[in-house]
Amino acid sequence: MANRNDILYKKTFKDQVDELEKRVYYTLTNEDKLQAHKAAKALSILVKLLHDKNILSDDEVDNA
């Protein structure tokens, strides 16, 4: 049975992409083939900005 970390690595590209905003973008656009690429891109940039300013931690990004 897969644990939390196994699921995170599989579903959120955690082991494949180093840049946080790309990881969030790929996760959003890959799941259910979302067509809202502009919204996903904007959200990924926002998450990256909040992370860079230490408003969001790595754990908070993973738990979101």
PDB file of N, CA and C in Angstrom:
ATOM      1  N   MET A   1       0.843  -1.184   0.000  1.00  0.00           N
ATOM      2  CA  MET A   1       0.000   0.000   0.000  1.00  0.00           C
ATOM      3  C   MET A   1       0.886   1.245   0.000  1.00  0.00           C
ATOM      4  N   ALA A   2       0.554   2.183  -0.838  1.00  0.00           N
ATOM      5  CA  ALA A   2       1.349   3.410  -0.957  1.00  0.00           C
ATOM      6  C   ALA A   2       1.128   4.308   0.255  1.00  0.00           C
ATOM      7  N   ASN A   3       2.227   4.900   0.717  1.00  0.00           N
ATOM      8  CA  ASN A   3       2.105   5.854   1.819  1.00  0.00           C
ATOM      9  C   ASN A   3       2.011   7.274   1.250  1.00  0.00           C
ATOM     10  N   ARG A   4       1.893   8.238   2.137  1.00  0.00           N
ATOM     11  CA  ARG A   4       1.710   9.646   1.746  1.00  0.00           C
ATOM     12  C   ARG A   4       2.810  10.122   0.806  1.00  0.00           C
ATOM     13  N   ASN A   5       4.066   9.833   1.159  1.00  0.00           N
ATOM     14  CA  ASN A   5       5.186  10.299   0.336  1.00  0.00           C
ATOM     15  C   ASN A   5       5.186   9.651  -1.045  1.00  0.00           C
ATOM     16  N   ASP A   6       4.840   8.367  -1.117  1.00  0.00           N
ATOM     17  CA  ASP A   6       4.759   7.697  -2.418  1.00  0.00           C
ATOM     18  C   ASP A   6       3.721   8.366  -3.312  1.00  0.00           C
ATOM     19  N   ILE A   7       2.578   8.687  -2.733  1.00  0.00           N
ATOM     20  CA  ILE A   7       1.510   9.347  -3.493  1.00  0.00           C
ATOM     21  C   ILE A   7       1.946  10.740  -3.926  1.00  0.00           C
ATOM     22  N   LEU A   8       2.601  11.486  -3.022  1.00  0.00           N
ATOM     23  CA  LEU A   8       3.087  12.822  -3.373  1.00  0.00           C
ATOM     24  C   LEU A   8       4.057  12.771  -4.545  1.00  0.00           C
ATOM     25  N   TYR A   9       4.993  11.851  -4.494  1.00  0.00           N
ATOM     26  CA  TYR A   9       5.977  11.752  -5.571  1.00  0.00           C
ATOM     27  C   TYR A   9       5.319  11.387  -6.894  1.00  0.00           C
ATOM     28  N   LYS A  10       4.312  10.524  -6.848  1.00  0.00           N
ATOM     29  CA  LYS A  10       3.649  10.094  -8.075  1.00  0.00           C
ATOM     30  C   LYS A  10       2.728  11.177  -8.640  1.00  0.00           C
ATOM     31  N   LYS A  11       1.926  11.798  -7.798  1.00  0.00           N
ATOM     32  CA  LYS A  11       0.876  12.719  -8.253  1.00  0.00           C
ATOM     33  C   LYS A  11       1.348  14.159  -8.423  1.00  0.00           C
ATOM     34  N   THR A  12       2.445  14.554  -7.743  1.00  0.00           N
ATOM     35  CA  THR A  12       2.839  15.964  -7.766  1.00  0.00           C
ATOM     36  C   THR A  12       4.199  16.206  -8.410  1.00  0.00           C
ATOM     37  N   PHE A  13       4.736  15.213  -9.091  1.00  0.00           N
ATOM     38  CA  PHE A  13       6.001  15.360  -9.816  1.00  0.00           C
ATOM     39  C   PHE A  13       7.150  15.765  -8.896  1.00  0.00           C
ATOM     40  N   LYS A  14       7.059  15.424  -7.614  1.00  0.00           N
ATOM     41  CA  LYS A  14       8.046  15.861  -6.631  1.00  0.00           C
ATOM     42  C   LYS A  14       9.449  15.364  -6.967  1.00  0.00           C
ATOM     43  N   ASP A  15       9.575  14.183  -7.519  1.00  0.00           N
ATOM     44  CA  ASP A  15      10.890  13.637  -7.839  1.00  0.00           C
ATOM     45  C   ASP A  15      11.355  13.980  -9.251  1.00  0.00           C
ATOM     46  N   GLN A  16      10.491  14.611 -10.051  1.00  0.00           N
ATOM     47  CA  GLN A  16      10.823  14.864 -11.448  1.00  0.00           C
ATOM     48  C   GLN A  16      11.136  16.318 -11.758  1.00  0.00           C
ATOM     49  N   VAL A  17      10.635  17.238 -10.946  1.00  0.00           N
ATOM     50  CA  VAL A  17      10.771  18.663 -11.238  1.00  0.00           C
ATOM     51  C   VAL A  17      11.324  19.376 -10.009  1.00  0.00           C
ATOM     52  N   ASP A  18      12.399  20.135 -10.192  1.00  0.00           N
ATOM     53  CA  ASP A  18      13.021  20.840  -9.077  1.00  0.00           C
ATOM     54  C   ASP A  18      12.342  22.172  -8.783  1.00  0.00           C
ATOM     55  N   GLU A  19      11.879  22.857  -9.805  1.00  0.00           N
ATOM     56  CA  GLU A  19      11.303  24.185  -9.610  1.00  0.00           C
ATOM     57  C   GLU A  19       9.870  24.059  -9.117  1.00  0.00           C
ATOM     58  N   LEU A  20       9.590  24.687  -7.986  1.00  0.00           N
ATOM     59  CA  LEU A  20       8.289  24.553  -7.338  1.00  0.00           C
ATOM     60  C   LEU A  20       7.143  24.998  -8.231  1.00  0.00           C
ATOM     61  N   GLU A  21       7.287  26.135  -8.918  1.00  0.00           N
ATOM     62  CA  GLU A  21       6.163  26.612  -9.729  1.00  0.00           C
ATOM     63  C   GLU A  21       5.848  25.650 -10.876  1.00  0.00           C
ATOM     64  N   LYS A  22       6.869  25.017 -11.435  1.00  0.00           N
ATOM     65  CA  LYS A  22       6.629  24.046 -12.495  1.00  0.00           C
ATOM     66  C   LYS A  22       5.948  22.804 -11.933  1.00  0.00           C
ATOM     67  N   ARG A  23       6.359  22.399 -10.728  1.00  0.00           N
ATOM     68  CA  ARG A  23       5.752  21.234 -10.095  1.00  0.00           C
ATOM     69  C   ARG A  23       4.259  21.456  -9.848  1.00  0.00           C
ATOM     70  N   VAL A  24       3.902  22.629  -9.334  1.00  0.00           N
ATOM     71  CA  VAL A  24       2.490  22.955  -9.088  1.00  0.00           C
ATOM     72  C   VAL A  24       1.736  23.006 -10.412  1.00  0.00           C
ATOM     73  N   TYR A  25       2.317  23.640 -11.416  1.00  0.00           N
ATOM     74  CA  TYR A  25       1.671  23.755 -12.733  1.00  0.00           C
ATOM     75  C   TYR A  25       1.429  22.374 -13.343  1.00  0.00           C
ATOM     76  N   TYR A  26       2.447  21.525 -13.337  1.00  0.00           N
ATOM     77  CA  TYR A  26       2.301  20.191 -13.920  1.00  0.00           C
ATOM     78  C   TYR A  26       1.252  19.376 -13.168  1.00  0.00           C
ATOM     79  N   THR A  27       1.220  19.514 -11.860  1.00  0.00           N
ATOM     80  CA  THR A  27       0.232  18.790 -11.060  1.00  0.00           C
ATOM     81  C   THR A  27      -1.181  19.234 -11.425  1.00  0.00           C
ATOM     82  N   LEU A  28      -1.391  20.536 -11.530  1.00  0.00           N
ATOM     83  CA  LEU A  28      -2.722  21.059 -11.842  1.00  0.00           C
ATOM     84  C   LEU A  28      -3.160  20.715 -13.254  1.00  0.00           C
ATOM     85  N   THR A  29      -2.266  20.796 -14.212  1.00  0.00           N
ATOM     86  CA  THR A  29      -2.661  20.568 -15.601  1.00  0.00           C
ATOM     87  C   THR A  29      -2.713  19.091 -15.963  1.00  0.00           C
ATOM     88  N   ASN A  30      -2.029  18.254 -15.220  1.00  0.00           N
ATOM     89  CA  ASN A  30      -2.041  16.824 -15.516  1.00  0.00           C
ATOM     90  C   ASN A  30      -3.288  16.149 -14.954  1.00  0.00           C
ATOM     91  N   GLU A  31      -3.725  16.541 -13.787  1.00  0.00           N
ATOM     92  CA  GLU A  31      -4.869  15.904 -13.136  1.00  0.00           C
ATOM     93  C   GLU A  31      -6.153  16.206 -13.900  1.00  0.00           C
ATOM     94  N   ASP A  32      -6.828  15.185 -14.357  1.00  0.00           N
ATOM     95  CA  ASP A  32      -8.093  15.298 -15.089  1.00  0.00           C
ATOM     96  C   ASP A  32      -7.983  16.174 -16.334  1.00  0.00           C
ATOM     97  N   LYS A  33      -6.808  16.339 -16.859  1.00  0.00           N
ATOM     98  CA  LYS A  33      -6.577  17.098 -18.087  1.00  0.00           C
ATOM     99  C   LYS A  33      -7.267  18.459 -18.064  1.00  0.00           C
ATOM    100  N   LEU A  34      -6.991  19.216 -17.049  1.00  0.00           N
ATOM    101  CA  LEU A  34      -7.602  20.543 -16.914  1.00  0.00           C
ATOM    102  C   LEU A  34      -7.269  21.415 -18.117  1.00  0.00           C
ATOM    103  N   GLN A  35      -8.225  22.189 -18.533  1.00  0.00           N
ATOM    104  CA  GLN A  35      -8.024  23.093 -19.662  1.00  0.00           C
ATOM    105  C   GLN A  35      -7.647  24.498 -19.203  1.00  0.00           C
ATOM    106  N   ALA A  36      -7.615  24.721 -17.922  1.00  0.00           N
ATOM    107  CA  ALA A  36      -7.368  26.060 -17.373  1.00  0.00           C
ATOM    108  C   ALA A  36      -5.865  26.294 -17.187  1.00  0.00           C
ATOM    109  N   HIS A  37      -5.122  26.261 -18.272  1.00  0.00           N
ATOM    110  CA  HIS A  37      -3.674  26.404 -18.182  1.00  0.00           C
ATOM    111  C   HIS A  37      -3.256  27.778 -17.657  1.00  0.00           C
ATOM    112  N   LYS A  38      -3.958  28.814 -18.038  1.00  0.00           N
ATOM    113  CA  LYS A  38      -3.601  30.152 -17.565  1.00  0.00           C
ATOM    114  C   LYS A  38      -3.806  30.261 -16.062  1.00  0.00           C
ATOM    115  N   ALA A  39      -4.892  29.717 -15.559  1.00  0.00           N
ATOM    116  CA  ALA A  39      -5.145  29.749 -14.115  1.00  0.00           C
ATOM    117  C   ALA A  39      -4.117  28.909 -13.372  1.00  0.00           C
ATOM    118  N   ALA A  40      -3.761  27.771 -13.937  1.00  0.00           N
ATOM    119  CA  ALA A  40      -2.756  26.910 -13.311  1.00  0.00           C
ATOM    120  C   ALA A  40      -1.400  27.606 -13.266  1.00  0.00           C
ATOM    121  N   LYS A  41      -1.050  28.273 -14.334  1.00  0.00           N
ATOM    122  CA  LYS A  41       0.218  29.006 -14.386  1.00  0.00           C
ATOM    123  C   LYS A  41       0.226  30.130 -13.355  1.00  0.00           C
ATOM    124  N   ALA A  42      -0.863  30.881 -13.272  1.00  0.00           N
ATOM    125  CA  ALA A  42      -0.945  31.982 -12.309  1.00  0.00           C
ATOM    126  C   ALA A  42      -0.849  31.452 -10.881  1.00  0.00           C
ATOM    127  N   LEU A  43      -1.545  30.373 -10.608  1.00  0.00           N
ATOM    128  CA  LEU A  43      -1.507  29.797  -9.267  1.00  0.00           C
ATOM    129  C   LEU A  43      -0.117  29.259  -8.942  1.00  0.00           C
ATOM    130  N   SER A  44       0.537  28.643  -9.908  1.00  0.00           N
ATOM    131  CA  SER A  44       1.880  28.111  -9.658  1.00  0.00           C
ATOM    132  C   SER A  44       2.866  29.234  -9.358  1.00  0.00           C
ATOM    133  N   ILE A  45       2.727  30.365 -10.037  1.00  0.00           N
ATOM    134  CA  ILE A  45       3.603  31.515  -9.761  1.00  0.00           C
ATOM    135  C   ILE A  45       3.302  32.084  -8.382  1.00  0.00           C
ATOM    136  N   LEU A  46       2.029  32.148  -8.010  1.00  0.00           N
ATOM    137  CA  LEU A  46       1.653  32.632  -6.685  1.00  0.00           C
ATOM    138  C   LEU A  46       2.222  31.739  -5.591  1.00  0.00           C
ATOM    139  N   VAL A  47       2.106  30.429  -5.753  1.00  0.00           N
ATOM    140  CA  VAL A  47       2.652  29.500  -4.755  1.00  0.00           C
ATOM    141  C   VAL A  47       4.160  29.679  -4.644  1.00  0.00           C
ATOM    142  N   LYS A  48       4.839  29.822  -5.763  1.00  0.00           N
ATOM    143  CA  LYS A  48       6.288  30.028  -5.760  1.00  0.00           C
ATOM    144  C   LYS A  48       6.643  31.318  -5.021  1.00  0.00           C
ATOM    145  N   LEU A  49       5.917  32.389  -5.291  1.00  0.00           N
ATOM    146  CA  LEU A  49       6.160  33.664  -4.633  1.00  0.00           C
ATOM    147  C   LEU A  49       5.968  33.547  -3.118  1.00  0.00           C
ATOM    148  N   LEU A  50       4.882  32.925  -2.695  1.00  0.00           N
ATOM    149  CA  LEU A  50       4.619  32.739  -1.261  1.00  0.00           C
ATOM    150  C   LEU A  50       5.676  31.853  -0.614  1.00  0.00           C
ATOM    151  N   HIS A  51       6.145  30.854  -1.336  1.00  0.00           N
ATOM    152  CA  HIS A  51       7.195  29.973  -0.838  1.00  0.00           C
ATOM    153  C   HIS A  51       8.512  30.733  -0.705  1.00  0.00           C
ATOM    154  N   ASP A  52       8.852  31.513  -1.716  1.00  0.00           N
ATOM    155  CA  ASP A  52      10.099  32.286  -1.688  1.00  0.00           C
ATOM    156  C   ASP A  52      10.124  33.308  -0.558  1.00  0.00           C
ATOM    157  N   LYS A  53       8.961  33.812  -0.192  1.00  0.00           N
ATOM    158  CA  LYS A  53       8.867  34.792   0.898  1.00  0.00           C
ATOM    159  C   LYS A  53       8.661  34.119   2.256  1.00  0.00           C
ATOM    160  N   ASN A  54       8.805  32.788   2.274  1.00  0.00           N
ATOM    161  CA  ASN A  54       8.662  31.986   3.498  1.00  0.00           C
ATOM    162  C   ASN A  54       7.280  32.110   4.133  1.00  0.00           C
ATOM    163  N   ILE A  55       6.285  32.413   3.327  1.00  0.00           N
ATOM    164  CA  ILE A  55       4.906  32.435   3.802  1.00  0.00           C
ATOM    165  C   ILE A  55       4.331  31.021   3.756  1.00  0.00           C
ATOM    166  N   LEU A  56       4.745  30.234   2.761  1.00  0.00           N
ATOM    167  CA  LEU A  56       4.383  28.826   2.665  1.00  0.00           C
ATOM    168  C   LEU A  56       5.635  27.973   2.796  1.00  0.00           C
ATOM    169  N   SER A  57       5.572  26.943   3.602  1.00  0.00           N
ATOM    170  CA  SER A  57       6.690  26.023   3.754  1.00  0.00           C
ATOM    171  C   SER A  57       6.536  24.875   2.760  1.00  0.00           C
ATOM    172  N   ASP A  58       7.576  24.056   2.622  1.00  0.00           N
ATOM    173  CA  ASP A  58       7.494  22.879   1.751  1.00  0.00           C
ATOM    174  C   ASP A  58       6.366  21.962   2.193  1.00  0.00           C
ATOM    175  N   ASP A  59       6.235  21.758   3.503  1.00  0.00           N
ATOM    176  CA  ASP A  59       5.182  20.893   4.019  1.00  0.00           C
ATOM    177  C   ASP A  59       3.800  21.440   3.702  1.00  0.00           C
ATOM    178  N   GLU A  60       3.617  22.755   3.795  1.00  0.00           N
ATOM    179  CA  GLU A  60       2.319  23.353   3.480  1.00  0.00           C
ATOM    180  C   GLU A  60       1.981  23.192   2.003  1.00  0.00           C
ATOM    181  N   VAL A  61       2.980  23.299   1.155  1.00  0.00           N
ATOM    182  CA  VAL A  61       2.747  23.095  -0.284  1.00  0.00           C
ATOM    183  C   VAL A  61       2.342  21.644  -0.522  1.00  0.00           C
ATOM    184  N   ASP A  62       3.023  20.703   0.129  1.00  0.00           N
ATOM    185  CA  ASP A  62       2.722  19.284  -0.057  1.00  0.00           C
ATOM    186  C   ASP A  62       1.358  18.908   0.509  1.00  0.00           C
ATOM    187  N   ASN A  63       0.920  19.588   1.543  1.00  0.00           N
ATOM    188  CA  ASN A  63      -0.364  19.259   2.179  1.00  0.00           C
ATOM    189  C   ASN A  63      -1.545  19.945   1.541  1.00  0.00           C
ATOM    190  N   ALA A  64      -1.283  20.893   0.656  1.00  0.00           N
ATOM    191  CA  ALA A  64      -2.377  21.657   0.035  1.00  0.00           C
ATOM    192  C   ALA A  64      -3.086  20.847  -1.014  1.00  0.00           C
TER     193      ALA A  64
END
